[in-house]
Amino acid sequence: MKILGVVLIILGSLGLAYKSIPYTEKQDVLQIGDFKASAEVKKEIAVPPLVSGAVLGAGVLLLLIPGRRR
């Protein structure tokens, strides 16, 4: 559980710092017979600050809650 908490804290912090995830997508622009023209289009996925804050808070809670002892 501690490892999951640390991972969630890192992901939440990155989400608050960057606010979006950029990526490129290849799209076909023109097709005439066997000829195809394509272009790379840059897009991004917005990460809401509320979601990033919730993930960060969940990570902190996982670190604060004591784990089960065997």
PDB file of N, CA and C in Angstrom:
ATOM      1  N   MET A   1       0.818  -1.188   0.000  1.00  0.00           N
ATOM      2  CA  MET A   1       0.000   0.000   0.000  1.00  0.00           C
ATOM      3  C   MET A   1       0.868   1.261   0.000  1.00  0.00           C
ATOM      4  N   LYS A   2       2.019   1.172   0.618  1.00  0.00           N
ATOM      5  CA  LYS A   2       2.906   2.337   0.679  1.00  0.00           C
ATOM      6  C   LYS A   2       3.422   2.685  -0.711  1.00  0.00           C
ATOM      7  N   ILE A   3       3.732   1.659  -1.513  1.00  0.00           N
ATOM      8  CA  ILE A   3       4.232   1.906  -2.871  1.00  0.00           C
ATOM      9  C   ILE A   3       3.140   2.559  -3.714  1.00  0.00           C
ATOM     10  N   LEU A   4       1.909   2.080  -3.593  1.00  0.00           N
ATOM     11  CA  LEU A   4       0.785   2.668  -4.326  1.00  0.00           C
ATOM     12  C   LEU A   4       0.573   4.119  -3.902  1.00  0.00           C
ATOM     13  N   GLY A   5       0.722   4.408  -2.620  1.00  0.00           N
ATOM     14  CA  GLY A   5       0.595   5.774  -2.127  1.00  0.00           C
ATOM     15  C   GLY A   5       1.633   6.701  -2.729  1.00  0.00           C
ATOM     16  N   VAL A   6       2.879   6.226  -2.799  1.00  0.00           N
ATOM     17  CA  VAL A   6       3.954   7.037  -3.385  1.00  0.00           C
ATOM     18  C   VAL A   6       3.701   7.272  -4.874  1.00  0.00           C
ATOM     19  N   VAL A   7       3.252   6.233  -5.586  1.00  0.00           N
ATOM     20  CA  VAL A   7       2.957   6.363  -7.018  1.00  0.00           C
ATOM     21  C   VAL A   7       1.828   7.369  -7.237  1.00  0.00           C
ATOM     22  N   LEU A   8       0.780   7.316  -6.412  1.00  0.00           N
ATOM     23  CA  LEU A   8      -0.320   8.259  -6.541  1.00  0.00           C
ATOM     24  C   LEU A   8       0.116   9.687  -6.242  1.00  0.00           C
ATOM     25  N   ILE A   9       0.989   9.865  -5.279  1.00  0.00           N
ATOM     26  CA  ILE A   9       1.506  11.196  -4.969  1.00  0.00           C
ATOM     27  C   ILE A   9       2.299  11.748  -6.147  1.00  0.00           C
ATOM     28  N   ILE A  10       3.128  10.912  -6.754  1.00  0.00           N
ATOM     29  CA  ILE A  10       3.918  11.349  -7.912  1.00  0.00           C
ATOM     30  C   ILE A  10       3.003  11.702  -9.083  1.00  0.00           C
ATOM     31  N   LEU A  11       2.001  10.851  -9.381  1.00  0.00           N
ATOM     32  CA  LEU A  11       1.083  11.125 -10.485  1.00  0.00           C
ATOM     33  C   LEU A  11       0.254  12.383 -10.233  1.00  0.00           C
ATOM     34  N   GLY A  12      -0.221  12.568  -9.021  1.00  0.00           N
ATOM     35  CA  GLY A  12      -0.985  13.761  -8.690  1.00  0.00           C
ATOM     36  C   GLY A  12      -0.151  15.029  -8.810  1.00  0.00           C
ATOM     37  N   SER A  13       1.097  14.966  -8.374  1.00  0.00           N
ATOM     38  CA  SER A  13       1.988  16.122  -8.478  1.00  0.00           C
ATOM     39  C   SER A  13       2.286  16.463  -9.935  1.00  0.00           C
ATOM     40  N   LEU A  14       2.529  15.437 -10.744  1.00  0.00           N
ATOM     41  CA  LEU A  14       2.783  15.673 -12.168  1.00  0.00           C
ATOM     42  C   LEU A  14       1.547  16.253 -12.858  1.00  0.00           C
ATOM     43  N   GLY A  15       0.371  15.775 -12.490  1.00  0.00           N
ATOM     44  CA  GLY A  15      -0.863  16.300 -13.058  1.00  0.00           C
ATOM     45  C   GLY A  15      -1.076  17.764 -12.711  1.00  0.00           C
ATOM     46  N   LEU A  16      -0.737  18.154 -11.481  1.00  0.00           N
ATOM     47  CA  LEU A  16      -0.869  19.560 -11.090  1.00  0.00           C
ATOM     48  C   LEU A  16       0.189  20.427 -11.766  1.00  0.00           C
ATOM     49  N   ALA A  17       1.358  19.865 -12.014  1.00  0.00           N
ATOM     50  CA  ALA A  17       2.441  20.648 -12.608  1.00  0.00           C
ATOM     51  C   ALA A  17       2.247  20.852 -14.109  1.00  0.00           C
ATOM     52  N   TYR A  18       1.821  19.823 -14.838  1.00  0.00           N
ATOM     53  CA  TYR A  18       1.774  19.905 -16.296  1.00  0.00           C
ATOM     54  C   TYR A  18       0.395  20.231 -16.858  1.00  0.00           C
ATOM     55  N   LYS A  19      -0.675  19.874 -16.204  1.00  0.00           N
ATOM     56  CA  LYS A  19      -2.061  20.196 -16.577  1.00  0.00           C
ATOM     57  C   LYS A  19      -2.553  19.575 -17.883  1.00  0.00           C
ATOM     58  N   SER A  20      -1.695  18.975 -18.701  1.00  0.00           N
ATOM     59  CA  SER A  20      -2.138  18.296 -19.925  1.00  0.00           C
ATOM     60  C   SER A  20      -1.094  17.276 -20.351  1.00  0.00           C
ATOM     61  N   ILE A  21      -1.547  16.275 -21.122  1.00  0.00           N
ATOM     62  CA  ILE A  21      -0.669  15.220 -21.627  1.00  0.00           C
ATOM     63  C   ILE A  21      -0.638  15.331 -23.152  1.00  0.00           C
ATOM     64  N   PRO A  22       0.490  15.770 -23.726  1.00  0.00           N
ATOM     65  CA  PRO A  22       0.547  15.908 -25.184  1.00  0.00           C
ATOM     66  C   PRO A  22       0.849  14.570 -25.875  1.00  0.00           C
ATOM     67  N   TYR A  23       0.299  14.410 -27.097  1.00  0.00           N
ATOM     68  CA  TYR A  23       0.594  13.244 -27.919  1.00  0.00           C
ATOM     69  C   TYR A  23       0.378  13.611 -29.381  1.00  0.00           C
ATOM     70  N   THR A  24       0.949  12.818 -30.291  1.00  0.00           N
ATOM     71  CA  THR A  24       0.752  13.055 -31.716  1.00  0.00           C
ATOM     72  C   THR A  24      -0.036  11.905 -32.311  1.00  0.00           C
ATOM     73  N   GLU A  25      -0.863  12.235 -33.288  1.00  0.00           N
ATOM     74  CA  GLU A  25      -1.703  11.240 -33.938  1.00  0.00           C
ATOM     75  C   GLU A  25      -1.523  11.371 -35.443  1.00  0.00           C
ATOM     76  N   LYS A  26      -1.388  10.250 -36.114  1.00  0.00           N
ATOM     77  CA  LYS A  26      -1.236  10.251 -37.561  1.00  0.00           C
ATOM     78  C   LYS A  26      -2.617  10.136 -38.202  1.00  0.00           C
ATOM     79  N   GLN A  27      -2.963  11.103 -39.081  1.00  0.00           N
ATOM     80  CA  GLN A  27      -4.269  11.111 -39.722  1.00  0.00           C
ATOM     81  C   GLN A  27      -4.096  11.131 -41.242  1.00  0.00           C
ATOM     82  N   ASP A  28      -4.965  10.394 -41.936  1.00  0.00           N
ATOM     83  CA  ASP A  28      -4.985  10.439 -43.390  1.00  0.00           C
ATOM     84  C   ASP A  28      -5.688  11.712 -43.824  1.00  0.00           C
ATOM     85  N   VAL A  29      -4.994  12.538 -44.618  1.00  0.00           N
ATOM     86  CA  VAL A  29      -5.539  13.807 -45.061  1.00  0.00           C
ATOM     87  C   VAL A  29      -6.184  13.671 -46.436  1.00  0.00           C
ATOM     88  N   LEU A  30      -5.552  12.879 -47.317  1.00  0.00           N
ATOM     89  CA  LEU A  30      -6.012  12.788 -48.697  1.00  0.00           C
ATOM     90  C   LEU A  30      -5.818  11.365 -49.185  1.00  0.00           C
ATOM     91  N   GLN A  31      -6.800  10.840 -49.899  1.00  0.00           N
ATOM     92  CA  GLN A  31      -6.677   9.508 -50.490  1.00  0.00           C
ATOM     93  C   GLN A  31      -7.296   9.535 -51.887  1.00  0.00           C
ATOM     94  N   ILE A  32      -6.431   9.316 -52.871  1.00  0.00           N
ATOM     95  CA  ILE A  32      -6.870   9.243 -54.264  1.00  0.00           C
ATOM     96  C   ILE A  32      -6.342   7.929 -54.828  1.00  0.00           C
ATOM     97  N   GLY A  33      -7.215   6.965 -54.986  1.00  0.00           N
ATOM     98  CA  GLY A  33      -6.789   5.648 -55.467  1.00  0.00           C
ATOM     99  C   GLY A  33      -5.853   5.001 -54.461  1.00  0.00           C
ATOM    100  N   ASP A  34      -4.656   4.627 -54.938  1.00  0.00           N
ATOM    101  CA  ASP A  34      -3.657   4.022 -54.053  1.00  0.00           C
ATOM    102  C   ASP A  34      -2.797   5.063 -53.345  1.00  0.00           C
ATOM    103  N   PHE A  35      -2.901   6.302 -53.737  1.00  0.00           N
ATOM    104  CA  PHE A  35      -2.105   7.371 -53.141  1.00  0.00           C
ATOM    105  C   PHE A  35      -2.767   7.852 -51.861  1.00  0.00           C
ATOM    106  N   LYS A  36      -1.960   7.904 -50.791  1.00  0.00           N
ATOM    107  CA  LYS A  36      -2.442   8.404 -49.500  1.00  0.00           C
ATOM    108  C   LYS A  36      -1.486   9.470 -48.995  1.00  0.00           C
ATOM    109  N   ALA A  37      -2.031  10.552 -48.509  1.00  0.00           N
ATOM    110  CA  ALA A  37      -1.242  11.586 -47.850  1.00  0.00           C
ATOM    111  C   ALA A  37      -1.698  11.651 -46.397  1.00  0.00           C
ATOM    112  N   SER A  38      -0.731  11.647 -45.501  1.00  0.00           N
ATOM    113  CA  SER A  38      -1.063  11.694 -44.087  1.00  0.00           C
ATOM    114  C   SER A  38      -0.277  12.814 -43.410  1.00  0.00           C
ATOM    115  N   ALA A  39      -0.762  13.221 -42.270  1.00  0.00           N
ATOM    116  CA  ALA A  39      -0.127  14.279 -41.495  1.00  0.00           C
ATOM    117  C   ALA A  39      -0.159  13.898 -40.023  1.00  0.00           C
ATOM    118  N   GLU A  40       0.845  14.369 -39.305  1.00  0.00           N
ATOM    119  CA  GLU A  40       0.874  14.162 -37.854  1.00  0.00           C
ATOM    120  C   GLU A  40       0.225  15.372 -37.186  1.00  0.00           C
ATOM    121  N   VAL A  41      -0.756  15.099 -36.363  1.00  0.00           N
ATOM    122  CA  VAL A  41      -1.496  16.156 -35.679  1.00  0.00           C
ATOM    123  C   VAL A  41      -1.160  16.080 -34.191  1.00  0.00           C
ATOM    124  N   LYS A  42      -0.755  17.217 -33.636  1.00  0.00           N
ATOM    125  CA  LYS A  42      -0.446  17.267 -32.203  1.00  0.00           C
ATOM    126  C   LYS A  42      -1.726  17.541 -31.432  1.00  0.00           C
ATOM    127  N   LYS A  43      -1.987  16.716 -30.444  1.00  0.00           N
ATOM    128  CA  LYS A  43      -3.163  16.867 -29.593  1.00  0.00           C
ATOM    129  C   LYS A  43      -2.737  16.764 -28.138  1.00  0.00           C
ATOM    130  N   GLU A  44      -3.630  17.134 -27.252  1.00  0.00           N
ATOM    131  CA  GLU A  44      -3.342  16.978 -25.826  1.00  0.00           C
ATOM    132  C   GLU A  44      -4.617  16.660 -25.061  1.00  0.00           C
ATOM    133  N   ILE A  45      -4.420  15.919 -23.982  1.00  0.00           N
ATOM    134  CA  ILE A  45      -5.513  15.540 -23.099  1.00  0.00           C
ATOM    135  C   ILE A  45      -5.405  16.424 -21.851  1.00  0.00           C
ATOM    136  N   ALA A  46      -6.445  17.165 -21.564  1.00  0.00           N
ATOM    137  CA  ALA A  46      -6.446  18.041 -20.390  1.00  0.00           C
ATOM    138  C   ALA A  46      -6.671  17.216 -19.122  1.00  0.00           C
ATOM    139  N   VAL A  47      -5.890  17.527 -18.094  1.00  0.00           N
ATOM    140  CA  VAL A  47      -6.038  16.866 -16.791  1.00  0.00           C
ATOM    141  C   VAL A  47      -6.579  17.913 -15.818  1.00  0.00           C
ATOM    142  N   PRO A  48      -7.824  17.756 -15.361  1.00  0.00           N
ATOM    143  CA  PRO A  48      -8.394  18.754 -14.442  1.00  0.00           C
ATOM    144  C   PRO A  48      -7.630  18.792 -13.116  1.00  0.00           C
ATOM    145  N   PRO A  49      -7.402  19.996 -12.576  1.00  0.00           N
ATOM    146  CA  PRO A  49      -6.696  20.115 -11.303  1.00  0.00           C
ATOM    147  C   PRO A  49      -7.421  19.411 -10.157  1.00  0.00           C
ATOM    148  N   LEU A  50      -8.748  19.342 -10.224  1.00  0.00           N
ATOM    149  CA  LEU A  50      -9.509  18.669  -9.174  1.00  0.00           C
ATOM    150  C   LEU A  50      -9.170  17.175  -9.134  1.00  0.00           C
ATOM    151  N   VAL A  51      -9.037  16.561 -10.299  1.00  0.00           N
ATOM    152  CA  VAL A  51      -8.680  15.136 -10.369  1.00  0.00           C
ATOM    153  C   VAL A  51      -7.262  14.921  -9.852  1.00  0.00           C
ATOM    154  N   SER A  52      -6.339  15.787 -10.258  1.00  0.00           N
ATOM    155  CA  SER A  52      -4.953  15.666  -9.793  1.00  0.00           C
ATOM    156  C   SER A  52      -4.871  15.830  -8.278  1.00  0.00           C
ATOM    157  N   GLY A  53      -5.627  16.771  -7.740  1.00  0.00           N
ATOM    158  CA  GLY A  53      -5.646  16.974  -6.290  1.00  0.00           C
ATOM    159  C   GLY A  53      -6.230  15.782  -5.556  1.00  0.00           C
ATOM    160  N   ALA A  54      -7.268  15.168  -6.128  1.00  0.00           N
ATOM    161  CA  ALA A  54      -7.872  13.988  -5.504  1.00  0.00           C
ATOM    162  C   ALA A  54      -6.901  12.813  -5.505  1.00  0.00           C
ATOM    163  N   VAL A  55      -6.169  12.634  -6.606  1.00  0.00           N
ATOM    164  CA  VAL A  55      -5.184  11.550  -6.680  1.00  0.00           C
ATOM    165  C   VAL A  55      -4.063  11.804  -5.669  1.00  0.00           C
ATOM    166  N   LEU A  56      -3.621  13.037  -5.569  1.00  0.00           N
ATOM    167  CA  LEU A  56      -2.576  13.392  -4.606  1.00  0.00           C
ATOM    168  C   LEU A  56      -3.058  13.144  -3.173  1.00  0.00           C
ATOM    169  N   GLY A  57      -4.291  13.554  -2.884  1.00  0.00           N
ATOM    170  CA  GLY A  57      -4.848  13.328  -1.546  1.00  0.00           C
ATOM    171  C   GLY A  57      -5.007  11.853  -1.216  1.00  0.00           C
ATOM    172  N   ALA A  58      -5.418  11.047  -2.209  1.00  0.00           N
ATOM    173  CA  ALA A  58      -5.546   9.606  -1.982  1.00  0.00           C
ATOM    174  C   ALA A  58      -4.186   8.984  -1.675  1.00  0.00           C
ATOM    175  N   GLY A  59      -3.148   9.461  -2.351  1.00  0.00           N
ATOM    176  CA  GLY A  59      -1.800   8.954  -2.080  1.00  0.00           C
ATOM    177  C   GLY A  59      -1.340   9.285  -0.677  1.00  0.00           C
ATOM    178  N   VAL A  60      -1.629  10.498  -0.238  1.00  0.00           N
ATOM    179  CA  VAL A  60      -1.253  10.898   1.119  1.00  0.00           C
ATOM    180  C   VAL A  60      -2.016  10.065   2.148  1.00  0.00           C
ATOM    181  N   LEU A  61      -3.307   9.838   1.891  1.00  0.00           N
ATOM    182  CA  LEU A  61      -4.092   9.017   2.820  1.00  0.00           C
ATOM    183  C   LEU A  61      -3.556   7.589   2.901  1.00  0.00           C
ATOM    184  N   LEU A  62      -3.142   7.033   1.753  1.00  0.00           N
ATOM    185  CA  LEU A  62      -2.594   5.670   1.781  1.00  0.00           C
ATOM    186  C   LEU A  62      -1.296   5.604   2.583  1.00  0.00           C
ATOM    187  N   LEU A  63      -0.537   6.674   2.576  1.00  0.00           N
ATOM    188  CA  LEU A  63       0.694   6.668   3.374  1.00  0.00           C
ATOM    189  C   LEU A  63       0.416   6.856   4.859  1.00  0.00           C
ATOM    190  N   LEU A  64      -0.651   7.586   5.186  1.00  0.00           N
ATOM    191  CA  LEU A  64      -0.949   7.845   6.593  1.00  0.00           C
ATOM    192  C   LEU A  64      -1.694   6.709   7.277  1.00  0.00           C
ATOM    193  N   ILE A  65      -2.477   5.924   6.533  1.00  0.00           N
ATOM    194  CA  ILE A  65      -3.238   4.824   7.115  1.00  0.00           C
ATOM    195  C   ILE A  65      -2.278   3.661   7.398  1.00  0.00           C
ATOM    196  N   PRO A  66      -2.255   3.186   8.642  1.00  0.00           N
ATOM    197  CA  PRO A  66      -1.362   2.073   8.947  1.00  0.00           C
ATOM    198  C   PRO A  66      -1.794   0.786   8.241  1.00  0.00           C
ATOM    199  N   GLY A  67      -0.809   0.033   7.769  1.00  0.00           N
ATOM    200  CA  GLY A  67      -1.099  -1.199   7.063  1.00  0.00           C
ATOM    201  C   GLY A  67      -1.363  -2.353   8.014  1.00  0.00           C
ATOM    202  N   ARG A  68      -1.871  -3.463   7.462  1.00  0.00           N
ATOM    203  CA  ARG A  68      -2.115  -4.654   8.280  1.00  0.00           C
ATOM    204  C   ARG A  68      -0.804  -5.328   8.643  1.00  0.00           C
ATOM    205  N   ARG A  69      -0.735  -5.843   9.821  1.00  0.00           N
ATOM    206  CA  ARG A  69       0.450  -6.612  10.243  1.00  0.00           C
ATOM    207  C   ARG A  69       0.125  -8.089  10.171  1.00  0.00           C
ATOM    208  N   ARG A  70       1.062  -8.838   9.723  1.00  0.00           N
ATOM    209  CA  ARG A  70       0.863 -10.294   9.589  1.00  0.00           C
ATOM    210  C   ARG A  70       1.334 -11.036  10.800  1.00  0.00           C
TER     211      ARG A  70
END
